[in-house]
Structures are given as C-alpha cells and as structure tokens.
C-alpha cells in the first residue's frame, strides 16, 4: 500500500478521561490517538473520497476505544487503521464501512495488535465495503495476537446491496433511486452530530 504523506495529528486522551470525537474529512489525514489508563475514546470519522491513516495506542490498563469509520469513495483510495494494545485489560471495537461508487479501487488495511504481556484484552473489528458498480475492493482484517488470554473477532464483507432489500423497498412504492439512498444512509450513518454531517449527507444524495 502506498504511504500517505500528510501531516500527523496527535490526540491524547488522559487517564480517567472519556472523549467523543466527530469529524468529516475530505482530505488525506494521518491521526494518532493515545489513550491513557481508564480512558475511553469514541470516534466517528466520515471520509469523502480520501485516504486516511489512523493509529490508536491503548497505553494504560482499562483503556478502551470505539471507532467508527464511514467513507464514500469516488477515485482510488486506501484506509489503514492500527490498534496497539500496549497494556492488559484494554478493549477495542472497530467498525469500518466503505461505499465504492465507481470502477476504482478501495482498500482497507485493518490491524489489531496485542502484545505478549497484554492479557485479558478484547480486540474486535467489523469491516464492510459495498461496490455500487464494478470497483475493485480489498479488505485485510489482520489480528496479530501474541497472548492466549484474549477475546478477539473479525469480519470482512465485500459485495453489493442485496436485490431482495431493494425489491422489498420498491414493493412499498419507493423508487429504485430512493431505495438505494435509504440503504446507503443505513449503511453509512450510524451516529454523530446531525449538523456536522450535513456535508456528508449531501454526498450521499449525489450518489
């Protein structure tokens, strides 16, 4: 995967701190999150035709992260996220949804890393890419775990919306275009501030 040359942004979540971050990105970004002991980070990142690199470091015991990445892809882009479980009793739940609109490539490289000395960790990831046409999509769901005392799971799906779902909506008098938009909204909009998401909603309406 080509390296994304962008300026790094570092965000630190201090010990015993809860923080929710919501962001719409229309340019390439690289962000590093450091979560301290008993820290809890929740992120909703919405990408518009962009490549992103994310690194999350769970640096203290009982550090947790819940990360939602939703993106609309028009050209050829890539997304990489790496979660480092640097301490015991840490937890990560990562959800990645991509919509590949045209006949270009979209690549997800998802890494969950649990070190040998990090025990009683939870490391989960769920990844989906929907191709609206004949784009080439790739998901690499990597779990690099060096400790037996870990609960982990991963899933990866690449495909199209089921015709049965479209048929059901259209059988209720909804046009095919509107049915597609409803499915896209359900796929990509899973949280965040409604005012913040106006620009992202406009992109969905253009698809």
C-alpha atoms as a PDB file:
ATOM      1  CA  UNK A   1       0.000   0.000   0.000  1.00  0.00           C
ATOM      2  CA  UNK A   2       1.318   3.426  -0.900  1.00  0.00           C
ATOM      3  CA  UNK A   3       2.341   5.567   2.046  1.00  0.00           C
ATOM      4  CA  UNK A   4       0.147   8.584   2.600  1.00  0.00           C
ATOM      5  CA  UNK A   5       2.354  11.648   3.056  1.00  0.00           C
ATOM      6  CA  UNK A   6       0.362  14.029   5.245  1.00  0.00           C
ATOM      7  CA  UNK A   7       0.944  15.975   8.407  1.00  0.00           C
ATOM      8  CA  UNK A   8       0.346  13.986  11.567  1.00  0.00           C
ATOM      9  CA  UNK A   9      -2.201  14.982  14.171  1.00  0.00           C
ATOM     10  CA  UNK A  10      -1.709  13.583  17.664  1.00  0.00           C
ATOM     11  CA  UNK A  11      -4.614  13.421  20.112  1.00  0.00           C
ATOM     12  CA  UNK A  12      -4.018  12.393  23.718  1.00  0.00           C
ATOM     13  CA  UNK A  13      -6.759  11.044  25.967  1.00  0.00           C
ATOM     14  CA  UNK A  14      -5.563  11.424  29.546  1.00  0.00           C
ATOM     15  CA  UNK A  15      -6.068   8.927  32.349  1.00  0.00           C
ATOM     16  CA  UNK A  16      -9.652   8.563  33.618  1.00  0.00           C
ATOM     17  CA  UNK A  17     -10.992  10.664  30.719  1.00  0.00           C
ATOM     18  CA  UNK A  18     -13.859   9.999  28.317  1.00  0.00           C
ATOM     19  CA  UNK A  19     -13.851  11.742  24.944  1.00  0.00           C
ATOM     20  CA  UNK A  20     -16.023  11.566  21.827  1.00  0.00           C
ATOM     21  CA  UNK A  21     -14.666  12.935  18.550  1.00  0.00           C
ATOM     22  CA  UNK A  22     -16.734  13.506  15.411  1.00  0.00           C
ATOM     23  CA  UNK A  23     -15.113  14.577  12.156  1.00  0.00           C
ATOM     24  CA  UNK A  24     -15.860  14.814   8.437  1.00  0.00           C
ATOM     25  CA  UNK A  25     -12.704  14.539   6.329  1.00  0.00           C
ATOM     26  CA  UNK A  26     -12.355  15.476   2.655  1.00  0.00           C
ATOM     27  CA  UNK A  27      -8.538  15.448   2.558  1.00  0.00           C
ATOM     28  CA  UNK A  28      -5.880  12.843   3.321  1.00  0.00           C
ATOM     29  CA  UNK A  29      -5.155  12.608   7.025  1.00  0.00           C
ATOM     30  CA  UNK A  30      -2.981  10.723   9.491  1.00  0.00           C
ATOM     31  CA  UNK A  31      -4.089  10.738  13.109  1.00  0.00           C
ATOM     32  CA  UNK A  32      -2.518   9.164  16.185  1.00  0.00           C
ATOM     33  CA  UNK A  33      -4.644   8.649  19.298  1.00  0.00           C
ATOM     34  CA  UNK A  34      -3.012   7.853  22.650  1.00  0.00           C
ATOM     35  CA  UNK A  35      -5.411   6.598  25.311  1.00  0.00           C
ATOM     36  CA  UNK A  36      -4.327   6.516  28.955  1.00  0.00           C
ATOM     37  CA  UNK A  37      -5.359   4.336  31.887  1.00  0.00           C
ATOM     38  CA  UNK A  38      -9.145   4.064  32.295  1.00  0.00           C
ATOM     39  CA  UNK A  39      -9.553   6.333  29.270  1.00  0.00           C
ATOM     40  CA  UNK A  40     -12.426   5.821  26.860  1.00  0.00           C
ATOM     41  CA  UNK A  41     -12.314   7.153  23.293  1.00  0.00           C
ATOM     42  CA  UNK A  42     -15.241   7.137  20.854  1.00  0.00           C
ATOM     43  CA  UNK A  43     -14.616   8.354  17.283  1.00  0.00           C
ATOM     44  CA  UNK A  44     -16.958   8.893  14.338  1.00  0.00           C
ATOM     45  CA  UNK A  45     -14.871   9.645  11.245  1.00  0.00           C
ATOM     46  CA  UNK A  46     -16.648  10.281   7.935  1.00  0.00           C
ATOM     47  CA  UNK A  47     -14.431  10.346   4.834  1.00  0.00           C
ATOM     48  CA  UNK A  48     -15.309  11.843   1.460  1.00  0.00           C
ATOM     49  CA  UNK A  49     -13.075  10.466  -1.319  1.00  0.00           C
ATOM     50  CA  UNK A  50      -9.951  10.484   0.820  1.00  0.00           C
ATOM     51  CA  UNK A  51      -7.196   8.253   2.120  1.00  0.00           C
ATOM     52  CA  UNK A  52      -6.700   8.051   5.874  1.00  0.00           C
ATOM     53  CA  UNK A  53      -4.186   6.528   8.261  1.00  0.00           C
ATOM     54  CA  UNK A  54      -5.169   6.014  11.902  1.00  0.00           C
ATOM     55  CA  UNK A  55      -3.060   4.715  14.783  1.00  0.00           C
ATOM     56  CA  UNK A  56      -4.576   4.058  18.193  1.00  0.00           C
ATOM     57  CA  UNK A  57      -2.354   3.303  21.187  1.00  0.00           C
ATOM     58  CA  UNK A  58      -4.071   1.888  24.254  1.00  0.00           C
ATOM     59  CA  UNK A  59      -1.333   2.826  26.701  1.00  0.00           C
ATOM     60  CA  UNK A  60      -2.918   2.189  30.098  1.00  0.00           C
ATOM     61  CA  UNK A  61      -4.890  -0.593  31.737  1.00  0.00           C
ATOM     62  CA  UNK A  62      -8.639  -0.484  31.073  1.00  0.00           C
ATOM     63  CA  UNK A  63      -8.184   1.869  28.129  1.00  0.00           C
ATOM     64  CA  UNK A  64     -10.993   1.479  25.589  1.00  0.00           C
ATOM     65  CA  UNK A  65     -11.696   2.659  22.060  1.00  0.00           C
ATOM     66  CA  UNK A  66     -14.815   2.507  19.883  1.00  0.00           C
ATOM     67  CA  UNK A  67     -14.004   3.662  16.358  1.00  0.00           C
ATOM     68  CA  UNK A  68     -16.485   4.147  13.510  1.00  0.00           C
ATOM     69  CA  UNK A  69     -15.135   4.889  10.022  1.00  0.00           C
ATOM     70  CA  UNK A  70     -17.604   5.540   7.203  1.00  0.00           C
ATOM     71  CA  UNK A  71     -16.468   6.719   3.785  1.00  0.00           C
ATOM     72  CA  UNK A  72     -17.644   7.411   0.240  1.00  0.00           C
ATOM     73  CA  UNK A  73     -15.045   6.584  -2.410  1.00  0.00           C
ATOM     74  CA  UNK A  74     -15.068   8.048  -5.928  1.00  0.00           C
ATOM     75  CA  UNK A  75     -11.450   7.530  -7.077  1.00  0.00           C
ATOM     76  CA  UNK A  76      -8.819   5.088  -5.778  1.00  0.00           C
ATOM     77  CA  UNK A  77      -8.174   5.413  -2.056  1.00  0.00           C
ATOM     78  CA  UNK A  78      -6.894   3.441   0.912  1.00  0.00           C
ATOM     79  CA  UNK A  79      -7.562   3.376   4.626  1.00  0.00           C
ATOM     80  CA  UNK A  80      -5.314   1.939   7.294  1.00  0.00           C
ATOM     81  CA  UNK A  81      -6.018   1.645  10.999  1.00  0.00           C
ATOM     82  CA  UNK A  82      -3.763   0.038  13.574  1.00  0.00           C
ATOM     83  CA  UNK A  83      -4.793  -0.544  17.183  1.00  0.00           C
ATOM     84  CA  UNK A  84      -1.950  -1.317  19.593  1.00  0.00           C
ATOM     85  CA  UNK A  85      -2.981  -2.995  22.838  1.00  0.00           C
ATOM     86  CA  UNK A  86       0.049  -1.903  24.849  1.00  0.00           C
ATOM     87  CA  UNK A  87      -1.392  -2.846  28.258  1.00  0.00           C
ATOM     88  CA  UNK A  88      -3.565  -5.503  29.840  1.00  0.00           C
ATOM     89  CA  UNK A  89      -7.367  -5.238  30.171  1.00  0.00           C
ATOM     90  CA  UNK A  90      -7.657  -2.971  27.108  1.00  0.00           C
ATOM     91  CA  UNK A  91     -10.554  -3.094  24.641  1.00  0.00           C
ATOM     92  CA  UNK A  92     -11.027  -2.082  21.014  1.00  0.00           C
ATOM     93  CA  UNK A  93     -14.150  -2.275  18.861  1.00  0.00           C
ATOM     94  CA  UNK A  94     -13.550  -1.067  15.310  1.00  0.00           C
ATOM     95  CA  UNK A  95     -16.291  -0.653  12.677  1.00  0.00           C
ATOM     96  CA  UNK A  96     -15.387   0.247   9.091  1.00  0.00           C
ATOM     97  CA  UNK A  97     -17.885   0.844   6.272  1.00  0.00           C
ATOM     98  CA  UNK A  98     -16.915   1.944   2.771  1.00  0.00           C
ATOM     99  CA  UNK A  99     -19.058   2.772  -0.263  1.00  0.00           C
ATOM    100  CA  UNK A 100     -17.159   2.329  -3.552  1.00  0.00           C
ATOM    101  CA  UNK A 101     -19.196   4.321  -6.063  1.00  0.00           C
ATOM    102  CA  UNK A 102     -17.387   3.892  -9.391  1.00  0.00           C
ATOM    103  CA  UNK A 103     -14.987   1.393 -11.012  1.00  0.00           C
ATOM    104  CA  UNK A 104     -11.993   2.347  -8.878  1.00  0.00           C
ATOM    105  CA  UNK A 105     -10.164   0.654  -6.014  1.00  0.00           C
ATOM    106  CA  UNK A 106     -10.803   0.908  -2.297  1.00  0.00           C
ATOM    107  CA  UNK A 107      -8.502  -0.819   0.176  1.00  0.00           C
ATOM    108  CA  UNK A 108      -8.982  -1.344   3.910  1.00  0.00           C
ATOM    109  CA  UNK A 109      -5.955  -2.472   5.942  1.00  0.00           C
ATOM    110  CA  UNK A 110      -7.169  -3.146   9.495  1.00  0.00           C
ATOM    111  CA  UNK A 111      -4.685  -4.200  12.184  1.00  0.00           C
ATOM    112  CA  UNK A 112      -5.350  -5.250  15.762  1.00  0.00           C
ATOM    113  CA  UNK A 113      -2.131  -5.905  17.689  1.00  0.00           C
ATOM    114  CA  UNK A 114      -1.974  -7.467  21.159  1.00  0.00           C
ATOM    115  CA  UNK A 115       1.482  -7.772  22.674  1.00  0.00           C
ATOM    116  CA  UNK A 116       2.761 -10.759  24.623  1.00  0.00           C
ATOM    117  CA  UNK A 117       2.488  -9.056  28.017  1.00  0.00           C
ATOM    118  CA  UNK A 118      -1.018  -7.648  27.362  1.00  0.00           C
ATOM    119  CA  UNK A 119      -3.510 -10.071  28.877  1.00  0.00           C
ATOM    120  CA  UNK A 120      -7.304 -10.086  29.239  1.00  0.00           C
ATOM    121  CA  UNK A 121      -7.771  -7.860  26.195  1.00  0.00           C
ATOM    122  CA  UNK A 122     -10.723  -7.550  23.817  1.00  0.00           C
ATOM    123  CA  UNK A 123      -9.855  -6.871  20.176  1.00  0.00           C
ATOM    124  CA  UNK A 124     -12.743  -6.795  17.684  1.00  0.00           C
ATOM    125  CA  UNK A 125     -13.195  -5.454  14.159  1.00  0.00           C
ATOM    126  CA  UNK A 126     -16.066  -5.452  11.647  1.00  0.00           C
ATOM    127  CA  UNK A 127     -15.404  -4.399   8.039  1.00  0.00           C
ATOM    128  CA  UNK A 128     -17.689  -3.946   5.039  1.00  0.00           C
ATOM    129  CA  UNK A 129     -17.313  -2.443   1.564  1.00  0.00           C
ATOM    130  CA  UNK A 130     -20.264  -2.050  -0.792  1.00  0.00           C
ATOM    131  CA  UNK A 131     -19.497  -1.755  -4.521  1.00  0.00           C
ATOM    132  CA  UNK A 132     -22.193   0.127  -6.401  1.00  0.00           C
ATOM    133  CA  UNK A 133     -20.608  -0.799  -9.747  1.00  0.00           C
ATOM    134  CA  UNK A 134     -17.602  -2.982 -10.620  1.00  0.00           C
ATOM    135  CA  UNK A 135     -14.905  -1.376  -8.480  1.00  0.00           C
ATOM    136  CA  UNK A 136     -12.022  -3.402  -7.077  1.00  0.00           C
ATOM    137  CA  UNK A 137     -12.141  -3.513  -3.282  1.00  0.00           C
ATOM    138  CA  UNK A 138      -9.835  -5.185  -0.785  1.00  0.00           C
ATOM    139  CA  UNK A 139     -10.109  -5.773   2.961  1.00  0.00           C
ATOM    140  CA  UNK A 140      -7.177  -7.095   5.002  1.00  0.00           C
ATOM    141  CA  UNK A 141      -8.507  -7.870   8.517  1.00  0.00           C
ATOM    142  CA  UNK A 142      -5.326  -8.583  10.464  1.00  0.00           C
ATOM    143  CA  UNK A 143      -5.270  -9.789  14.066  1.00  0.00           C
ATOM    144  CA  UNK A 144      -1.695 -10.038  15.345  1.00  0.00           C
ATOM    145  CA  UNK A 145      -2.114 -11.526  18.801  1.00  0.00           C
ATOM    146  CA  UNK A 146       0.759 -12.830  20.938  1.00  0.00           C
ATOM    147  CA  UNK A 147      -1.249 -13.715  24.058  1.00  0.00           C
ATOM    148  CA  UNK A 148      -3.728 -16.560  24.640  1.00  0.00           C
ATOM    149  CA  UNK A 149      -5.811 -14.623  27.192  1.00  0.00           C
ATOM    150  CA  UNK A 150      -7.597 -12.513  24.582  1.00  0.00           C
ATOM    151  CA  UNK A 151     -11.115 -12.277  23.164  1.00  0.00           C
ATOM    152  CA  UNK A 152     -10.995 -11.269  19.500  1.00  0.00           C
ATOM    153  CA  UNK A 153     -13.067 -11.391  16.333  1.00  0.00           C
ATOM    154  CA  UNK A 154     -13.011 -10.016  12.831  1.00  0.00           C
ATOM    155  CA  UNK A 155     -15.276  -9.995   9.805  1.00  0.00           C
ATOM    156  CA  UNK A 156     -14.892  -8.789   6.239  1.00  0.00           C
ATOM    157  CA  UNK A 157     -17.592  -8.413   3.587  1.00  0.00           C
ATOM    158  CA  UNK A 158     -17.261  -7.072   0.046  1.00  0.00           C
ATOM    159  CA  UNK A 159     -20.268  -7.049  -2.241  1.00  0.00           C
ATOM    160  CA  UNK A 160     -23.359  -5.203  -3.356  1.00  0.00           C
ATOM    161  CA  UNK A 161     -26.663  -4.395  -1.710  1.00  0.00           C
ATOM    162  CA  UNK A 162     -28.942  -7.412  -1.805  1.00  0.00           C
ATOM    163  CA  UNK A 163     -31.556  -7.297  -4.542  1.00  0.00           C
ATOM    164  CA  UNK A 164     -34.062  -8.663  -2.027  1.00  0.00           C
ATOM    165  CA  UNK A 165     -33.710  -5.488   0.052  1.00  0.00           C
ATOM    166  CA  UNK A 166     -34.193  -3.276  -2.998  1.00  0.00           C
ATOM    167  CA  UNK A 167     -37.200  -5.337  -4.078  1.00  0.00           C
ATOM    168  CA  UNK A 168     -38.757  -5.043  -0.615  1.00  0.00           C
ATOM    169  CA  UNK A 169     -38.416  -1.244  -0.564  1.00  0.00           C
ATOM    170  CA  UNK A 170     -39.632  -0.875  -4.152  1.00  0.00           C
ATOM    171  CA  UNK A 171     -42.615  -3.124  -3.401  1.00  0.00           C
ATOM    172  CA  UNK A 172     -43.663  -0.452  -0.891  1.00  0.00           C
ATOM    173  CA  UNK A 173     -43.846   2.158  -3.640  1.00  0.00           C
ATOM    174  CA  UNK A 174     -40.343   3.579  -3.191  1.00  0.00           C
ATOM    175  CA  UNK A 175     -38.363   4.304  -6.368  1.00  0.00           C
ATOM    176  CA  UNK A 176     -35.148   2.384  -7.048  1.00  0.00           C
ATOM    177  CA  UNK A 177     -33.026   5.534  -6.642  1.00  0.00           C
ATOM    178  CA  UNK A 178     -34.638   6.435  -3.318  1.00  0.00           C
ATOM    179  CA  UNK A 179     -34.314   2.821  -2.173  1.00  0.00           C
ATOM    180  CA  UNK A 180     -30.592   2.938  -2.887  1.00  0.00           C
ATOM    181  CA  UNK A 181     -30.237   6.164  -0.916  1.00  0.00           C
ATOM    182  CA  UNK A 182     -32.086   4.677   2.056  1.00  0.00           C
ATOM    183  CA  UNK A 183     -29.781   1.655   2.042  1.00  0.00           C
ATOM    184  CA  UNK A 184     -26.715   3.892   1.761  1.00  0.00           C
ATOM    185  CA  UNK A 185     -27.849   6.057   4.665  1.00  0.00           C
ATOM    186  CA  UNK A 186     -28.472   2.988   6.804  1.00  0.00           C
ATOM    187  CA  UNK A 187     -25.037   1.656   5.875  1.00  0.00           C
ATOM    188  CA  UNK A 188     -23.020   4.834   6.457  1.00  0.00           C
ATOM    189  CA  UNK A 189     -24.882   6.857   9.087  1.00  0.00           C
ATOM    190  CA  UNK A 190     -24.550   5.204  12.470  1.00  0.00           C
ATOM    191  CA  UNK A 191     -24.005   8.110  14.817  1.00  0.00           C
ATOM    192  CA  UNK A 192     -22.626  11.608  15.127  1.00  0.00           C
ATOM    193  CA  UNK A 193     -23.968  15.143  15.151  1.00  0.00           C
ATOM    194  CA  UNK A 194     -26.639  15.941  12.543  1.00  0.00           C
ATOM    195  CA  UNK A 195     -25.263  19.449  11.872  1.00  0.00           C
ATOM    196  CA  UNK A 196     -21.747  18.114  11.427  1.00  0.00           C
ATOM    197  CA  UNK A 197     -22.952  15.514   8.931  1.00  0.00           C
ATOM    198  CA  UNK A 198     -24.677  17.920   6.536  1.00  0.00           C
ATOM    199  CA  UNK A 199     -21.776  17.850   4.067  1.00  0.00           C
ATOM    200  CA  UNK A 200     -21.646  14.064   4.257  1.00  0.00           C
ATOM    201  CA  UNK A 201     -25.399  13.803   3.717  1.00  0.00           C
ATOM    202  CA  UNK A 202     -25.064  15.947   0.574  1.00  0.00           C
ATOM    203  CA  UNK A 203     -22.557  13.464  -0.804  1.00  0.00           C
ATOM    204  CA  UNK A 204     -24.972  10.584  -0.185  1.00  0.00           C
ATOM    205  CA  UNK A 205     -27.718  12.452  -2.034  1.00  0.00           C
ATOM    206  CA  UNK A 206     -25.391  12.790  -5.059  1.00  0.00           C
ATOM    207  CA  UNK A 207     -24.698   9.054  -5.314  1.00  0.00           C
END
